[in-house]
Amino acid sequence: QVRLVESGGGLVQAGDSLRLTCVASGRTFSSYAMSWFRQVPGKEREFVAATAWASETTTYADSVKGRFTISRDNTKRILYLQMNSLKPEDTAIYYCAAAVSRYSGSPYRPVEFDTWGQGTQVTVNS
């Protein structure tokens, strides 16, 4: 069974940076793709960024393009999200997700990912 654990969230000021970490564990871990989503209470889970494992293609939401960078350490099975120039509208719970059993190639919908972490809170004050 694959388990994802996020960390690195916190309370920051607008313009600050944070790096989120997602550690994957399990006897055998491989995935087609991994991603970051975020969610504000009362709203739908929103795509942030994704990386396809084989092609290493990265995809970003327009709202974070140029500010956030998704990367990974294959040896340590860690996924990162470097978040720079944070804005109050980036405030949300951030979730790490993996497409372990299947993947259509389009990362934008939560249904594409079958394994999720518990989330880490990011709060950006103005």
Foldseek 3Di string as FASTA:
>chain_A
DKAKAKDWADEEAQQAKIKMKIFIDDPDDDFQKKFKWWDDPPDDIWGAKMAGDPVRDIDGDPVQPPFWDWDADVVRRMIMIIGGRDDQVVWTWMKMFGHGPDAPPDDTDPVRTDHIHPTDTHGYHD
